[in-house]
Structures are given as C-alpha cells and as structure tokens.
Amino acid sequence: EVSEIEGYKQAGVIAGGMLPKIEGMADAIYKGATGVIIDGRVPHSILLEMFSDRGAGTMFYRRGSR
C-alpha cells in the first residue's frame, strides 16, 4: 500500500535504483491512478497483468480503491 512506502524506505527495504521507481508509482496514484504495477524484469508486464488472473508484478494501490 502506498502508505507503507516511507516505512520501507526508512528500513532500507526500498533503496538505490528502486527509489525513483517507487516514487513515480506513488506520484501516479496521488494523481488519480487507482493502482500501479511494476516489474521491470518481465517483458510486457503490463499486458501480462491485464490479461492474467495471477498478476505480473508488485501492485501498489490507494486504500479503498481495491
């Protein structure tokens, strides 16, 4: 959940190259997206997420939007 990001940053779970990615996802949610999926290692991860019941990455969402 987006509200957990700061705690993960403080604990060092989110660090280095993940920081700008996570901050971009949070920004998208604050600007109105209901959820954001990320997995830069998997080609076409957005399509896999859209057409799969299992999902293809890490989902971040705003509380109450799921």
Protein backbone atom coordinates (compact mmCIF):
# COMPACT_ATOMS: atom_id res chain seq x y z
CA GLU A 1 0.00 0.00 0.00
CA VAL A 2 1.28 3.48 -0.79
CA SER A 3 1.09 4.48 2.87
CA GLU A 4 3.76 1.85 3.63
CA ILE A 5 6.40 3.27 1.27
CA GLU A 6 8.00 5.66 3.75
CA GLY A 7 8.44 2.91 6.35
CA TYR A 8 10.10 0.66 3.78
CA LYS A 9 12.45 3.48 2.76
CA GLN A 10 13.42 4.12 6.39
CA ALA A 11 14.06 0.40 6.93
CA GLY A 12 16.23 0.21 3.82
CA VAL A 13 13.89 -2.22 2.05
CA ILE A 14 13.39 0.34 -0.72
CA ALA A 15 16.75 1.83 -1.67
CA GLY A 16 19.03 2.71 -4.55
CA GLY A 17 17.54 2.37 -8.02
CA MET A 18 14.15 1.40 -6.63
CA LEU A 19 13.62 4.82 -5.04
CA PRO A 20 12.74 6.73 -8.24
CA LYS A 21 10.54 3.87 -9.47
CA ILE A 22 8.57 3.69 -6.23
CA GLU A 23 8.28 7.47 -6.03
CA GLY A 24 6.96 7.55 -9.61
CA MET A 25 4.35 4.93 -8.78
CA ALA A 26 3.26 6.85 -5.69
CA ASP A 27 3.03 10.04 -7.75
CA ALA A 28 0.77 8.29 -10.29
CA ILE A 29 -1.54 7.12 -7.52
CA TYR A 30 -1.65 10.57 -5.90
CA LYS A 31 -2.61 11.99 -9.30
CA GLY A 32 -5.59 9.64 -9.61
CA ALA A 33 -4.44 6.19 -10.69
CA THR A 34 -6.15 3.53 -8.59
CA GLY A 35 -3.27 1.09 -8.85
CA VAL A 36 0.16 0.72 -10.37
CA ILE A 37 2.01 -2.47 -11.30
CA ILE A 38 5.74 -2.73 -11.64
CA ASP A 39 8.13 -5.44 -12.70
CA GLY A 40 10.80 -4.08 -14.98
CA ARG A 41 12.40 -7.50 -15.40
CA VAL A 42 9.46 -9.06 -17.23
CA PRO A 43 8.84 -8.03 -20.84
CA HIS A 44 5.26 -6.82 -21.40
CA SER A 45 4.45 -6.97 -17.67
CA ILE A 46 1.54 -4.55 -18.10
CA LEU A 47 -0.09 -6.78 -20.71
CA LEU A 48 0.50 -9.84 -18.54
CA GLU A 49 -1.17 -8.07 -15.64
CA MET A 50 -4.16 -7.05 -17.75
CA PHE A 51 -4.75 -10.49 -19.25
CA SER A 52 -3.85 -12.70 -16.30
CA ASP A 53 -5.64 -13.71 -13.13
CA ARG A 54 -2.32 -14.12 -11.31
CA GLY A 55 -0.73 -10.75 -11.97
CA ALA A 56 2.77 -9.98 -13.12
CA GLY A 57 4.40 -7.66 -10.61
CA THR A 58 4.03 -5.71 -7.42
CA MET A 59 0.74 -3.85 -7.03
CA PHE A 60 0.64 -0.55 -5.21
CA TYR A 61 -2.76 0.97 -4.51
CA ARG A 62 -4.54 3.61 -2.52
CA ARG A 63 -6.57 2.28 0.40
CA GLY A 64 -10.22 1.85 -0.57
CA SER A 65 -9.58 1.67 -4.31
CA ARG A 66 -9.42 -2.12 -4.49
